């Protein structure tokens, strides 16, 4: 079906509009993670085996004062960049980026703006009480709200 054909599809009664949605409405529960010392190959296998586009990095925090056990995130494009560099196998510690974190109750529009500002396609959803990740929010999740949210 082409994008210009008639409006055959309508929004889901379960999905609010972007202006009314929270992170919880769009996120995927659960987080895959790797240790900071995992090799690029190990991270690639984790992503490929689970059909995911990001992995949280735990372990040796870059900021020792961080309250969360997760300090970084590796997106699939980060891994492609690491894989294209010749030489020694790199660890997750070397090519992970700072994780954007959002609260489940945060307005989805606010989370989307944070992701846009950082040029990130994923954010970790962190429980504000425990500081533990509970899920992942991707740009595709936000697109789903744009596509199916009720007007």
C-alpha atoms as a PDB file:
ATOM      1  CA  UNK A   1       0.000   0.000   0.000  1.00  0.00           C
ATOM      2  CA  UNK A   2       1.384   3.383  -0.915  1.00  0.00           C
ATOM      3  CA  UNK A   3       1.533   6.276   1.505  1.00  0.00           C
ATOM      4  CA  UNK A   4      -0.719   8.337  -0.786  1.00  0.00           C
ATOM      5  CA  UNK A   5      -3.599   5.871  -1.005  1.00  0.00           C
ATOM      6  CA  UNK A   6      -6.834   6.480   0.897  1.00  0.00           C
ATOM      7  CA  UNK A   7      -6.910   6.593   4.684  1.00  0.00           C
ATOM      8  CA  UNK A   8      -7.809   2.922   5.108  1.00  0.00           C
ATOM      9  CA  UNK A   9      -6.323   2.715   8.593  1.00  0.00           C
ATOM     10  CA  UNK A  10      -7.554   4.535  11.663  1.00  0.00           C
ATOM     11  CA  UNK A  11      -6.053   5.048  15.076  1.00  0.00           C
ATOM     12  CA  UNK A  12      -6.207   2.500  17.841  1.00  0.00           C
ATOM     13  CA  UNK A  13      -8.531   3.137  20.745  1.00  0.00           C
ATOM     14  CA  UNK A  14      -5.637   2.032  22.954  1.00  0.00           C
ATOM     15  CA  UNK A  15      -3.164   4.645  21.736  1.00  0.00           C
ATOM     16  CA  UNK A  16      -3.341   8.325  22.746  1.00  0.00           C
ATOM     17  CA  UNK A  17      -2.100  11.141  20.538  1.00  0.00           C
ATOM     18  CA  UNK A  18       1.460  12.416  20.850  1.00  0.00           C
ATOM     19  CA  UNK A  19       0.211  15.374  22.882  1.00  0.00           C
ATOM     20  CA  UNK A  20      -1.452  13.076  25.417  1.00  0.00           C
ATOM     21  CA  UNK A  21       0.924  10.098  25.450  1.00  0.00           C
ATOM     22  CA  UNK A  22       3.485   9.285  28.098  1.00  0.00           C
ATOM     23  CA  UNK A  23       6.630   7.227  27.697  1.00  0.00           C
ATOM     24  CA  UNK A  24       4.773   4.238  29.200  1.00  0.00           C
ATOM     25  CA  UNK A  25       2.244   4.357  26.360  1.00  0.00           C
ATOM     26  CA  UNK A  26       4.933   3.781  23.725  1.00  0.00           C
ATOM     27  CA  UNK A  27       7.917   2.022  25.323  1.00  0.00           C
ATOM     28  CA  UNK A  28       8.939  -1.626  25.105  1.00  0.00           C
ATOM     29  CA  UNK A  29       9.338  -3.254  28.525  1.00  0.00           C
ATOM     30  CA  UNK A  30      12.577  -5.033  29.336  1.00  0.00           C
ATOM     31  CA  UNK A  31      16.201  -4.173  28.658  1.00  0.00           C
ATOM     32  CA  UNK A  32      19.040  -6.248  27.241  1.00  0.00           C
ATOM     33  CA  UNK A  33      22.422  -5.357  28.652  1.00  0.00           C
ATOM     34  CA  UNK A  34      26.079  -6.184  28.369  1.00  0.00           C
ATOM     35  CA  UNK A  35      29.065  -5.633  30.613  1.00  0.00           C
ATOM     36  CA  UNK A  36      31.388  -2.733  29.853  1.00  0.00           C
ATOM     37  CA  UNK A  37      34.123  -5.245  28.976  1.00  0.00           C
ATOM     38  CA  UNK A  38      32.027  -7.141  26.384  1.00  0.00           C
ATOM     39  CA  UNK A  39      33.637  -7.239  22.942  1.00  0.00           C
ATOM     40  CA  UNK A  40      32.040  -5.729  19.853  1.00  0.00           C
ATOM     41  CA  UNK A  41      31.457  -9.265  18.559  1.00  0.00           C
ATOM     42  CA  UNK A  42      29.675 -10.281  21.768  1.00  0.00           C
ATOM     43  CA  UNK A  43      27.461  -7.194  21.621  1.00  0.00           C
ATOM     44  CA  UNK A  44      26.734  -7.820  17.930  1.00  0.00           C
ATOM     45  CA  UNK A  45      25.706 -11.406  18.697  1.00  0.00           C
ATOM     46  CA  UNK A  46      23.446 -10.209  21.517  1.00  0.00           C
ATOM     47  CA  UNK A  47      21.724  -7.691  19.236  1.00  0.00           C
ATOM     48  CA  UNK A  48      21.429 -10.054  16.276  1.00  0.00           C
ATOM     49  CA  UNK A  49      20.198 -13.012  18.342  1.00  0.00           C
ATOM     50  CA  UNK A  50      17.496 -10.922  19.999  1.00  0.00           C
ATOM     51  CA  UNK A  51      16.607  -8.753  16.978  1.00  0.00           C
ATOM     52  CA  UNK A  52      17.135  -5.506  18.882  1.00  0.00           C
ATOM     53  CA  UNK A  53      18.747  -2.234  17.915  1.00  0.00           C
ATOM     54  CA  UNK A  54      20.277  -1.235  21.252  1.00  0.00           C
ATOM     55  CA  UNK A  55      21.884  -2.700  24.356  1.00  0.00           C
ATOM     56  CA  UNK A  56      22.409  -1.057  27.736  1.00  0.00           C
ATOM     57  CA  UNK A  57      25.948  -1.075  29.120  1.00  0.00           C
ATOM     58  CA  UNK A  58      26.431  -1.938  32.779  1.00  0.00           C
ATOM     59  CA  UNK A  59      29.439  -2.400  35.005  1.00  0.00           C
ATOM     60  CA  UNK A  60      32.346   0.014  35.012  1.00  0.00           C
ATOM     61  CA  UNK A  61      30.499   3.306  35.166  1.00  0.00           C
ATOM     62  CA  UNK A  62      32.210   6.274  33.570  1.00  0.00           C
ATOM     63  CA  UNK A  63      30.747   8.365  36.375  1.00  0.00           C
ATOM     64  CA  UNK A  64      31.361   6.701  39.737  1.00  0.00           C
ATOM     65  CA  UNK A  65      28.665   8.851  41.353  1.00  0.00           C
ATOM     66  CA  UNK A  66      25.966   7.529  39.022  1.00  0.00           C
ATOM     67  CA  UNK A  67      23.015   6.102  40.925  1.00  0.00           C
ATOM     68  CA  UNK A  68      21.993   3.750  38.125  1.00  0.00           C
ATOM     69  CA  UNK A  69      23.870   0.536  37.297  1.00  0.00           C
ATOM     70  CA  UNK A  70      23.472   1.481  33.625  1.00  0.00           C
ATOM     71  CA  UNK A  71      25.813   4.161  32.374  1.00  0.00           C
ATOM     72  CA  UNK A  72      25.744   3.765  28.611  1.00  0.00           C
ATOM     73  CA  UNK A  73      23.924   2.526  25.576  1.00  0.00           C
ATOM     74  CA  UNK A  74      25.094   1.004  22.327  1.00  0.00           C
ATOM     75  CA  UNK A  75      22.889   1.537  19.323  1.00  0.00           C
ATOM     76  CA  UNK A  76      23.261  -0.589  16.216  1.00  0.00           C
ATOM     77  CA  UNK A  77      24.925   2.244  14.297  1.00  0.00           C
ATOM     78  CA  UNK A  78      27.503   2.644  17.088  1.00  0.00           C
ATOM     79  CA  UNK A  79      28.321  -1.028  16.683  1.00  0.00           C
ATOM     80  CA  UNK A  80      28.632  -0.704  12.902  1.00  0.00           C
ATOM     81  CA  UNK A  81      31.079   2.179  13.415  1.00  0.00           C
ATOM     82  CA  UNK A  82      33.116   0.093  15.860  1.00  0.00           C
ATOM     83  CA  UNK A  83      33.108  -2.861  13.472  1.00  0.00           C
ATOM     84  CA  UNK A  84      34.419  -0.741  10.620  1.00  0.00           C
ATOM     85  CA  UNK A  85      37.541   0.274  12.544  1.00  0.00           C
ATOM     86  CA  UNK A  86      40.483  -1.986  11.771  1.00  0.00           C
ATOM     87  CA  UNK A  87      42.690  -3.299  14.529  1.00  0.00           C
ATOM     88  CA  UNK A  88      42.009  -4.774  17.921  1.00  0.00           C
ATOM     89  CA  UNK A  89      38.626  -5.895  19.116  1.00  0.00           C
ATOM     90  CA  UNK A  90      37.099  -3.025  21.077  1.00  0.00           C
ATOM     91  CA  UNK A  91      35.067  -3.351  24.230  1.00  0.00           C
ATOM     92  CA  UNK A  92      31.653  -1.868  24.886  1.00  0.00           C
ATOM     93  CA  UNK A  93      33.383   0.601  27.189  1.00  0.00           C
ATOM     94  CA  UNK A  94      35.151   2.117  24.168  1.00  0.00           C
ATOM     95  CA  UNK A  95      32.203   2.729  21.862  1.00  0.00           C
ATOM     96  CA  UNK A  96      29.138   3.107  24.101  1.00  0.00           C
ATOM     97  CA  UNK A  97      27.520   6.503  24.349  1.00  0.00           C
ATOM     98  CA  UNK A  98      25.913   8.228  27.306  1.00  0.00           C
ATOM     99  CA  UNK A  99      22.430   6.783  27.857  1.00  0.00           C
ATOM    100  CA  UNK A 100      19.524   9.160  27.579  1.00  0.00           C
ATOM    101  CA  UNK A 101      17.173   8.264  30.401  1.00  0.00           C
ATOM    102  CA  UNK A 102      13.498   9.086  30.676  1.00  0.00           C
ATOM    103  CA  UNK A 103      10.875   8.406  33.326  1.00  0.00           C
ATOM    104  CA  UNK A 104       7.854   6.260  32.491  1.00  0.00           C
ATOM    105  CA  UNK A 105       5.475   9.117  33.360  1.00  0.00           C
ATOM    106  CA  UNK A 106       7.315  11.687  31.217  1.00  0.00           C
ATOM    107  CA  UNK A 107       5.358  13.237  28.363  1.00  0.00           C
ATOM    108  CA  UNK A 108       6.246  11.390  25.156  1.00  0.00           C
ATOM    109  CA  UNK A 109       6.740  14.674  23.312  1.00  0.00           C
ATOM    110  CA  UNK A 110       9.342  15.730  25.913  1.00  0.00           C
ATOM    111  CA  UNK A 111      11.184  12.400  25.586  1.00  0.00           C
ATOM    112  CA  UNK A 112      11.137  12.720  21.792  1.00  0.00           C
ATOM    113  CA  UNK A 113      12.631  16.216  22.022  1.00  0.00           C
ATOM    114  CA  UNK A 114      15.409  14.911  24.286  1.00  0.00           C
ATOM    115  CA  UNK A 115      16.204  12.154  21.799  1.00  0.00           C
ATOM    116  CA  UNK A 116      16.219  14.620  18.898  1.00  0.00           C
ATOM    117  CA  UNK A 117      18.534  16.984  20.765  1.00  0.00           C
ATOM    118  CA  UNK A 118      21.038  14.147  21.328  1.00  0.00           C
ATOM    119  CA  UNK A 119      20.572  12.597  17.868  1.00  0.00           C
ATOM    120  CA  UNK A 120      19.699   9.293  19.563  1.00  0.00           C
ATOM    121  CA  UNK A 121      17.278   6.660  18.357  1.00  0.00           C
ATOM    122  CA  UNK A 122      16.836   5.036  21.782  1.00  0.00           C
ATOM    123  CA  UNK A 123      16.328   6.104  25.378  1.00  0.00           C
ATOM    124  CA  UNK A 124      16.345   3.945  28.480  1.00  0.00           C
ATOM    125  CA  UNK A 125      13.212   4.120  30.581  1.00  0.00           C
ATOM    126  CA  UNK A 126      14.294   4.274  34.225  1.00  0.00           C
ATOM    127  CA  UNK A 127      12.128   3.806  37.305  1.00  0.00           C
ATOM    128  CA  UNK A 128      12.593   7.043  39.295  1.00  0.00           C
ATOM    129  CA  UNK A 129      12.405   5.212  42.646  1.00  0.00           C
ATOM    130  CA  UNK A 130      14.944   2.455  41.991  1.00  0.00           C
ATOM    131  CA  UNK A 131      16.984   4.101  39.204  1.00  0.00           C
ATOM    132  CA  UNK A 132      16.845   0.753  37.396  1.00  0.00           C
ATOM    133  CA  UNK A 133      15.953   0.517  33.711  1.00  0.00           C
ATOM    134  CA  UNK A 134      12.522  -0.945  33.014  1.00  0.00           C
ATOM    135  CA  UNK A 135      12.325  -0.606  29.243  1.00  0.00           C
ATOM    136  CA  UNK A 136      13.455   1.060  26.051  1.00  0.00           C
ATOM    137  CA  UNK A 137      11.867   3.847  24.033  1.00  0.00           C
ATOM    138  CA  UNK A 138      12.817   3.976  20.361  1.00  0.00           C
ATOM    139  CA  UNK A 139      12.056   6.458  17.628  1.00  0.00           C
ATOM    140  CA  UNK A 140       9.977   3.732  15.975  1.00  0.00           C
ATOM    141  CA  UNK A 141       7.860   3.544  19.146  1.00  0.00           C
ATOM    142  CA  UNK A 142       7.213   7.283  18.807  1.00  0.00           C
ATOM    143  CA  UNK A 143       6.376   6.851  15.126  1.00  0.00           C
ATOM    144  CA  UNK A 144       3.799   4.251  16.179  1.00  0.00           C
ATOM    145  CA  UNK A 145       2.050   6.855  18.325  1.00  0.00           C
ATOM    146  CA  UNK A 146       2.151   9.308  15.433  1.00  0.00           C
ATOM    147  CA  UNK A 147       0.631   6.663  13.151  1.00  0.00           C
ATOM    148  CA  UNK A 148      -2.014   5.182  15.431  1.00  0.00           C
ATOM    149  CA  UNK A 149      -2.820   7.794  18.064  1.00  0.00           C
ATOM    150  CA  UNK A 150      -6.406   8.948  18.153  1.00  0.00           C
ATOM    151  CA  UNK A 151      -7.005  12.505  17.010  1.00  0.00           C
END
